[in-house]
Amino acid sequence: MTFQALVFDMDGVLVDSEPLHLEVEQAIFEELGLEVSEEEHFSYVGMAPQEVWTHIRRRHGLDAQAEALLQKEQDRKYALFQQREIPLVPGVLPLLKELRQKGCPLALASSSPRRIIDLFARKTDIRGFFDLTLSAEEVSRGKPAPDIFLAAAARLGLPARDCLVIEDSANGVKAAKAAGMYCLGFQNLNSGYQDLTEADRVVEKFSPEVRGLIQQWTAPC
């Protein structure tokens, strides 16, 4: 089993940001008078924001337009993320350095909007590790559809089967597998309960042993 490139999700895999996303979303739910259960809320982790609000409007019978709700959410998140520290997931920086030293092509494929990807990249200095970054805004369908991962493989000039994806959400894992990619599930407790059983393998931390395993899976570049 050898892969030519790695594709990373961002929130919950590179940066430990899911609690901040959930905080803003829960506040908006309360303002709208919505009773969104924890189970339902966690089911949206990893999905493109536009699709999240489309689901919520349908499920809860909201009159507000999804576009207006999306704009409200993104403006609040951007303001909050500018103020807060955005911590990297423990162990991910050594992993990125090791893979970059090896010359392995790296892509970032996130459901977050481009401006939030760029903000996190600036605040954490991770941009230089990636050959390309993709937002769900740049594809027709967000996760759990495979579009963003297929686009990443195409831009890297590789077949999907030659890419390894690292994902922390059930929706992300579904997207990776639908794209025909091998998926390493990262069980981040800060991302809420996520059923990662569809992943090919699941890890709970980027320990030296896990980083070594990922190194073994990647071809010399």
C-alpha atoms as a PDB file:
ATOM      1  CA  MET A   1       0.000   0.000   0.000  1.00  0.00           C
ATOM      2  CA  THR A   2       1.739   3.115  -1.266  1.00  0.00           C
ATOM      3  CA  PHE A   3       0.270   6.562  -1.887  1.00  0.00           C
ATOM      4  CA  GLN A   4       1.612   9.403  -4.007  1.00  0.00           C
ATOM      5  CA  ALA A   5      -0.048  12.286  -2.110  1.00  0.00           C
ATOM      6  CA  LEU A   6      -1.921  13.157   1.085  1.00  0.00           C
ATOM      7  CA  VAL A   7      -5.111  15.178   1.294  1.00  0.00           C
ATOM      8  CA  PHE A   8      -5.912  16.736   4.668  1.00  0.00           C
ATOM      9  CA  ASP A   9      -9.216  18.012   5.942  1.00  0.00           C
ATOM     10  CA  MET A  10      -8.665  21.219   7.910  1.00  0.00           C
ATOM     11  CA  ASP A  11     -11.073  21.677  10.853  1.00  0.00           C
ATOM     12  CA  GLY A  12     -10.480  18.951  13.418  1.00  0.00           C
ATOM     13  CA  VAL A  13      -7.494  17.475  11.572  1.00  0.00           C
ATOM     14  CA  LEU A  14      -5.027  20.326  11.109  1.00  0.00           C
ATOM     15  CA  VAL A  15      -6.552  22.889  13.473  1.00  0.00           C
ATOM     16  CA  ASP A  16      -8.565  22.106  16.593  1.00  0.00           C
ATOM     17  CA  SER A  17     -11.310  24.509  15.577  1.00  0.00           C
ATOM     18  CA  GLU A  18     -14.514  22.470  15.678  1.00  0.00           C
ATOM     19  CA  PRO A  19     -15.488  23.684  19.183  1.00  0.00           C
ATOM     20  CA  LEU A  20     -15.431  27.281  17.874  1.00  0.00           C
ATOM     21  CA  HIS A  21     -17.581  26.354  14.871  1.00  0.00           C
ATOM     22  CA  LEU A  22     -20.048  24.574  17.134  1.00  0.00           C
ATOM     23  CA  GLU A  23     -20.121  27.542  19.535  1.00  0.00           C
ATOM     24  CA  VAL A  24     -21.176  29.999  16.823  1.00  0.00           C
ATOM     25  CA  GLU A  25     -23.694  27.609  15.288  1.00  0.00           C
ATOM     26  CA  GLN A  26     -25.326  26.851  18.636  1.00  0.00           C
ATOM     27  CA  ALA A  27     -25.678  30.558  19.396  1.00  0.00           C
ATOM     28  CA  ILE A  28     -27.437  31.121  16.063  1.00  0.00           C
ATOM     29  CA  PHE A  29     -29.726  28.127  16.620  1.00  0.00           C
ATOM     30  CA  GLU A  30     -30.772  29.618  19.967  1.00  0.00           C
ATOM     31  CA  GLU A  31     -31.405  33.049  18.428  1.00  0.00           C
ATOM     32  CA  LEU A  32     -33.627  31.418  15.813  1.00  0.00           C
ATOM     33  CA  GLY A  33     -35.525  29.499  18.492  1.00  0.00           C
ATOM     34  CA  LEU A  34     -34.405  26.143  17.106  1.00  0.00           C
ATOM     35  CA  GLU A  35     -34.068  23.049  19.248  1.00  0.00           C
ATOM     36  CA  VAL A  36     -31.200  21.278  17.528  1.00  0.00           C
ATOM     37  CA  SER A  37     -30.138  18.172  19.392  1.00  0.00           C
ATOM     38  CA  GLU A  38     -26.491  17.385  19.989  1.00  0.00           C
ATOM     39  CA  GLU A  39     -26.828  14.343  17.742  1.00  0.00           C
ATOM     40  CA  GLU A  40     -28.245  16.436  14.899  1.00  0.00           C
ATOM     41  CA  HIS A  41     -25.631  19.154  15.378  1.00  0.00           C
ATOM     42  CA  PHE A  42     -22.755  16.658  15.221  1.00  0.00           C
ATOM     43  CA  SER A  43     -24.243  15.158  12.055  1.00  0.00           C
ATOM     44  CA  TYR A  44     -23.471  18.418  10.226  1.00  0.00           C
ATOM     45  CA  VAL A  45     -19.749  18.414  11.090  1.00  0.00           C
ATOM     46  CA  GLY A  46     -17.717  18.298   7.889  1.00  0.00           C
ATOM     47  CA  MET A  47     -20.544  19.402   5.621  1.00  0.00           C
ATOM     48  CA  ALA A  48     -20.357  22.528   3.467  1.00  0.00           C
ATOM     49  CA  PRO A  49     -22.093  25.406   5.347  1.00  0.00           C
ATOM     50  CA  GLN A  50     -24.524  26.102   2.491  1.00  0.00           C
ATOM     51  CA  GLU A  51     -25.749  22.516   2.648  1.00  0.00           C
ATOM     52  CA  VAL A  52     -25.986  22.604   6.448  1.00  0.00           C
ATOM     53  CA  TRP A  53     -28.391  25.546   6.340  1.00  0.00           C
ATOM     54  CA  THR A  54     -30.397  23.961   3.539  1.00  0.00           C
ATOM     55  CA  HIS A  55     -30.852  20.857   5.709  1.00  0.00           C
ATOM     56  CA  ILE A  56     -31.754  22.891   8.794  1.00  0.00           C
ATOM     57  CA  ARG A  57     -34.327  25.024   6.935  1.00  0.00           C
ATOM     58  CA  ARG A  58     -36.047  21.925   5.608  1.00  0.00           C
ATOM     59  CA  ARG A  59     -35.912  19.999   8.869  1.00  0.00           C
ATOM     60  CA  HIS A  60     -37.092  22.855  11.097  1.00  0.00           C
ATOM     61  CA  GLY A  61     -39.340  24.729   8.671  1.00  0.00           C
ATOM     62  CA  LEU A  62     -37.391  27.985   8.741  1.00  0.00           C
ATOM     63  CA  ASP A  63     -38.676  30.867   6.628  1.00  0.00           C
ATOM     64  CA  ALA A  64     -35.280  32.570   6.398  1.00  0.00           C
ATOM     65  CA  GLN A  65     -33.271  32.037   3.241  1.00  0.00           C
ATOM     66  CA  ALA A  66     -30.262  29.735   3.492  1.00  0.00           C
ATOM     67  CA  GLU A  67     -28.049  32.384   1.883  1.00  0.00           C
ATOM     68  CA  ALA A  68     -28.862  34.942   4.591  1.00  0.00           C
ATOM     69  CA  LEU A  69     -28.274  32.407   7.368  1.00  0.00           C
ATOM     70  CA  LEU A  70     -25.015  31.345   5.774  1.00  0.00           C
ATOM     71  CA  GLN A  71     -23.768  34.930   5.558  1.00  0.00           C
ATOM     72  CA  LYS A  72     -24.686  35.562   9.193  1.00  0.00           C
ATOM     73  CA  GLU A  73     -22.850  32.446  10.298  1.00  0.00           C
ATOM     74  CA  GLN A  74     -19.726  33.132   8.244  1.00  0.00           C
ATOM     75  CA  ASP A  75     -19.458  36.768   9.351  1.00  0.00           C
ATOM     76  CA  ARG A  76     -19.723  35.736  13.009  1.00  0.00           C
ATOM     77  CA  LYS A  77     -17.207  32.945  12.636  1.00  0.00           C
ATOM     78  CA  TYR A  78     -14.700  35.125  10.843  1.00  0.00           C
ATOM     79  CA  ALA A  79     -14.949  37.810  13.553  1.00  0.00           C
ATOM     80  CA  LEU A  80     -14.562  35.212  16.322  1.00  0.00           C
ATOM     81  CA  PHE A  81     -11.684  33.396  14.652  1.00  0.00           C
ATOM     82  CA  GLN A  82      -9.783  36.654  14.235  1.00  0.00           C
ATOM     83  CA  GLN A  83      -9.947  37.171  18.009  1.00  0.00           C
ATOM     84  CA  ARG A  84      -9.320  33.645  19.247  1.00  0.00           C
ATOM     85  CA  GLU A  85      -6.235  31.495  19.239  1.00  0.00           C
ATOM     86  CA  ILE A  86      -6.502  28.725  16.658  1.00  0.00           C
ATOM     87  CA  PRO A  87      -4.532  25.758  18.012  1.00  0.00           C
ATOM     88  CA  LEU A  88      -2.977  23.176  15.747  1.00  0.00           C
ATOM     89  CA  VAL A  89      -3.953  19.574  16.432  1.00  0.00           C
ATOM     90  CA  PRO A  90      -1.160  18.009  18.545  1.00  0.00           C
ATOM     91  CA  GLY A  91       1.340  16.125  16.417  1.00  0.00           C
ATOM     92  CA  VAL A  92       0.186  17.507  13.074  1.00  0.00           C
ATOM     93  CA  LEU A  93       3.026  20.026  12.662  1.00  0.00           C
ATOM     94  CA  PRO A  94       5.759  17.361  12.948  1.00  0.00           C
ATOM     95  CA  LEU A  95       3.783  15.234  10.482  1.00  0.00           C
ATOM     96  CA  LEU A  96       3.597  18.066   7.949  1.00  0.00           C
ATOM     97  CA  LYS A  97       7.314  18.780   8.338  1.00  0.00           C
ATOM     98  CA  GLU A  98       8.217  15.125   7.879  1.00  0.00           C
ATOM     99  CA  LEU A  99       6.059  14.767   4.771  1.00  0.00           C
ATOM    100  CA  ARG A 100       7.347  18.003   3.265  1.00  0.00           C
ATOM    101  CA  GLN A 101      10.941  16.921   3.911  1.00  0.00           C
ATOM    102  CA  LYS A 102      10.162  13.694   2.105  1.00  0.00           C
ATOM    103  CA  GLY A 103       8.765  15.708  -0.815  1.00  0.00           C
ATOM    104  CA  CYS A 104       5.282  14.212  -0.652  1.00  0.00           C
ATOM    105  CA  PRO A 105       2.616  16.365  -2.392  1.00  0.00           C
ATOM    106  CA  LEU A 106       0.093  17.701   0.123  1.00  0.00           C
ATOM    107  CA  ALA A 107      -3.376  19.137  -0.405  1.00  0.00           C
ATOM    108  CA  LEU A 108      -5.841  20.769   1.980  1.00  0.00           C
ATOM    109  CA  ALA A 109      -9.516  20.119   1.153  1.00  0.00           C
ATOM    110  CA  SER A 110     -11.945  21.829   3.526  1.00  0.00           C
ATOM    111  CA  SER A 111     -15.661  22.511   3.759  1.00  0.00           C
ATOM    112  CA  SER A 112     -14.853  25.907   5.275  1.00  0.00           C
ATOM    113  CA  PRO A 113     -15.091  29.032   3.094  1.00  0.00           C
ATOM    114  CA  ARG A 114     -11.934  30.267   1.408  1.00  0.00           C
ATOM    115  CA  ARG A 115     -11.556  33.317   3.661  1.00  0.00           C
ATOM    116  CA  ILE A 116     -11.602  31.118   6.785  1.00  0.00           C
ATOM    117  CA  ILE A 117      -9.093  28.697   5.269  1.00  0.00           C
ATOM    118  CA  ASP A 118      -6.834  31.651   4.492  1.00  0.00           C
ATOM    119  CA  LEU A 119      -7.296  33.113   7.985  1.00  0.00           C
ATOM    120  CA  PHE A 120      -6.375  29.827   9.679  1.00  0.00           C
ATOM    121  CA  ALA A 121      -3.416  29.363   7.343  1.00  0.00           C
ATOM    122  CA  ARG A 122      -2.100  32.810   8.269  1.00  0.00           C
ATOM    123  CA  LYS A 123      -2.633  32.363  12.003  1.00  0.00           C
ATOM    124  CA  THR A 124      -0.982  28.940  12.147  1.00  0.00           C
ATOM    125  CA  ASP A 125       1.684  29.276   9.423  1.00  0.00           C
ATOM    126  CA  ILE A 126       0.639  26.045   7.689  1.00  0.00           C
ATOM    127  CA  ARG A 127       0.090  27.430   4.180  1.00  0.00           C
ATOM    128  CA  GLY A 128       3.658  26.763   3.070  1.00  0.00           C
ATOM    129  CA  PHE A 129       3.251  23.030   3.556  1.00  0.00           C
ATOM    130  CA  PHE A 130       0.528  22.615   0.938  1.00  0.00           C
ATOM    131  CA  ASP A 131       0.807  22.363  -2.827  1.00  0.00           C
ATOM    132  CA  LEU A 132      -2.847  23.354  -3.100  1.00  0.00           C
ATOM    133  CA  THR A 133      -5.800  24.316  -0.917  1.00  0.00           C
ATOM    134  CA  LEU A 134      -9.430  23.782  -1.873  1.00  0.00           C
ATOM    135  CA  SER A 135     -12.674  25.058  -0.348  1.00  0.00           C
ATOM    136  CA  ALA A 136     -16.125  23.549  -0.790  1.00  0.00           C
ATOM    137  CA  GLU A 137     -17.019  26.894  -2.386  1.00  0.00           C
ATOM    138  CA  GLU A 138     -14.942  25.818  -5.385  1.00  0.00           C
ATOM    139  CA  VAL A 139     -16.829  22.601  -6.202  1.00  0.00           C
ATOM    140  CA  SER A 140     -20.431  21.820  -7.100  1.00  0.00           C
ATOM    141  CA  ARG A 141     -21.224  19.669  -4.062  1.00  0.00           C
ATOM    142  CA  GLY A 142     -19.729  19.605  -0.593  1.00  0.00           C
ATOM    143  CA  LYS A 143     -18.971  16.608   1.607  1.00  0.00           C
ATOM    144  CA  PRO A 144     -20.283  13.897   1.881  1.00  0.00           C
ATOM    145  CA  ALA A 145     -20.196  14.142  -1.943  1.00  0.00           C
ATOM    146  CA  PRO A 146     -16.712  13.310  -3.282  1.00  0.00           C
ATOM    147  CA  ASP A 147     -16.287  16.437  -5.444  1.00  0.00           C
ATOM    148  CA  ILE A 148     -13.636  18.228  -3.386  1.00  0.00           C
ATOM    149  CA  PHE A 149     -11.413  15.161  -3.124  1.00  0.00           C
ATOM    150  CA  LEU A 150     -11.742  14.353  -6.810  1.00  0.00           C
ATOM    151  CA  ALA A 151     -10.844  17.969  -7.609  1.00  0.00           C
ATOM    152  CA  ALA A 152      -7.779  17.742  -5.352  1.00  0.00           C
ATOM    153  CA  ALA A 153      -6.571  14.577  -7.082  1.00  0.00           C
ATOM    154  CA  ALA A 154      -7.139  16.118 -10.508  1.00  0.00           C
ATOM    155  CA  ARG A 155      -5.170  19.251  -9.620  1.00  0.00           C
ATOM    156  CA  LEU A 156      -2.347  17.110  -8.254  1.00  0.00           C
ATOM    157  CA  GLY A 157      -2.394  15.165 -11.522  1.00  0.00           C
ATOM    158  CA  LEU A 158      -3.031  11.850  -9.776  1.00  0.00           C
ATOM    159  CA  PRO A 159      -5.682   9.108  -9.858  1.00  0.00           C
ATOM    160  CA  ALA A 160      -7.901   9.208  -6.763  1.00  0.00           C
ATOM    161  CA  ARG A 161      -6.691   5.759  -5.703  1.00  0.00           C
ATOM    162  CA  ASP A 162      -3.160   7.149  -5.283  1.00  0.00           C
ATOM    163  CA  CYS A 163      -4.262   9.649  -2.612  1.00  0.00           C
ATOM    164  CA  LEU A 164      -4.554   9.141   1.137  1.00  0.00           C
ATOM    165  CA  VAL A 165      -7.164  11.292   2.914  1.00  0.00           C
ATOM    166  CA  ILE A 166      -7.126  12.172   6.621  1.00  0.00           C
ATOM    167  CA  GLU A 167     -10.583  13.066   7.955  1.00  0.00           C
ATOM    168  CA  ASP A 168     -12.190  13.587  11.361  1.00  0.00           C
ATOM    169  CA  SER A 169     -15.899  13.610  10.393  1.00  0.00           C
ATOM    170  CA  ALA A 170     -18.352  10.992   9.197  1.00  0.00           C
ATOM    171  CA  ASN A 171     -19.271  13.238   6.265  1.00  0.00           C
ATOM    172  CA  GLY A 172     -15.614  13.625   5.311  1.00  0.00           C
ATOM    173  CA  VAL A 173     -14.980   9.893   5.483  1.00  0.00           C
ATOM    174  CA  LYS A 174     -18.009   9.230   3.271  1.00  0.00           C
ATOM    175  CA  ALA A 175     -16.685  11.773   0.754  1.00  0.00           C
ATOM    176  CA  ALA A 176     -13.223  10.217   0.691  1.00  0.00           C
ATOM    177  CA  LYS A 177     -14.550   6.711   0.185  1.00  0.00           C
ATOM    178  CA  ALA A 178     -16.993   7.895  -2.502  1.00  0.00           C
ATOM    179  CA  ALA A 179     -13.969   9.396  -4.292  1.00  0.00           C
ATOM    180  CA  GLY A 180     -12.260   6.004  -4.237  1.00  0.00           C
ATOM    181  CA  MET A 181      -9.512   7.101  -1.837  1.00  0.00           C
ATOM    182  CA  TYR A 182      -7.991   5.347   1.147  1.00  0.00           C
ATOM    183  CA  CYS A 183      -9.146   7.151   4.284  1.00  0.00           C
ATOM    184  CA  LEU A 184      -7.443   7.440   7.647  1.00  0.00           C
ATOM    185  CA  GLY A 185     -10.042   8.469  10.214  1.00  0.00           C
ATOM    186  CA  PHE A 186      -8.836  10.792  12.972  1.00  0.00           C
ATOM    187  CA  GLN A 187     -11.051  10.468  16.067  1.00  0.00           C
ATOM    188  CA  ASN A 188     -10.911  13.966  17.506  1.00  0.00           C
ATOM    189  CA  LEU A 189     -13.136  14.215  20.575  1.00  0.00           C
ATOM    190  CA  ASN A 190     -13.417  17.979  20.040  1.00  0.00           C
ATOM    191  CA  SER A 191     -15.285  17.291  16.803  1.00  0.00           C
ATOM    192  CA  GLY A 192     -18.128  15.674  18.734  1.00  0.00           C
ATOM    193  CA  TYR A 193     -19.163  12.071  18.321  1.00  0.00           C
ATOM    194  CA  GLN A 194     -18.287  11.009  14.777  1.00  0.00           C
ATOM    195  CA  ASP A 195     -18.918   7.546  13.388  1.00  0.00           C
ATOM    196  CA  LEU A 196     -15.729   6.821  11.450  1.00  0.00           C
ATOM    197  CA  THR A 197     -16.376   3.127  10.872  1.00  0.00           C
ATOM    198  CA  GLU A 198     -16.341   3.602   7.096  1.00  0.00           C
ATOM    199  CA  ALA A 199     -12.693   4.731   7.277  1.00  0.00           C
ATOM    200  CA  ASP A 200     -10.064   2.185   6.327  1.00  0.00           C
ATOM    201  CA  ARG A 201      -8.267   2.766   9.609  1.00  0.00           C
ATOM    202  CA  VAL A 202      -8.919   4.988  12.636  1.00  0.00           C
ATOM    203  CA  VAL A 203      -6.370   6.672  14.904  1.00  0.00           C
ATOM    204  CA  GLU A 204      -6.855   8.857  17.968  1.00  0.00           C
ATOM    205  CA  LYS A 205      -3.678  10.933  17.841  1.00  0.00           C
ATOM    206  CA  PHE A 206      -0.765  11.790  15.580  1.00  0.00           C
ATOM    207  CA  SER A 207       1.734   9.970  17.742  1.00  0.00           C
ATOM    208  CA  PRO A 208       5.258   9.189  16.514  1.00  0.00           C
ATOM    209  CA  GLU A 209       4.036   5.661  15.739  1.00  0.00           C
ATOM    210  CA  VAL A 210       1.117   6.922  13.635  1.00  0.00           C
ATOM    211  CA  ARG A 211       3.340   9.465  11.871  1.00  0.00           C
ATOM    212  CA  GLY A 212       5.802   6.673  11.090  1.00  0.00           C
ATOM    213  CA  LEU A 213       2.998   4.558   9.674  1.00  0.00           C
ATOM    214  CA  ILE A 214       1.868   7.399   7.401  1.00  0.00           C
ATOM    215  CA  GLN A 215       5.469   7.826   6.269  1.00  0.00           C
ATOM    216  CA  GLN A 216       5.615   4.137   5.369  1.00  0.00           C
ATOM    217  CA  TRP A 217       2.456   4.514   3.284  1.00  0.00           C
ATOM    218  CA  THR A 218       3.816   7.362   1.167  1.00  0.00           C
ATOM    219  CA  ALA A 219       6.115   6.822  -1.797  1.00  0.00           C
ATOM    220  CA  PRO A 220       9.455   8.652  -2.022  1.00  0.00           C
ATOM    221  CA  CYS A 221       8.910  11.805  -4.086  1.00  0.00           C
END
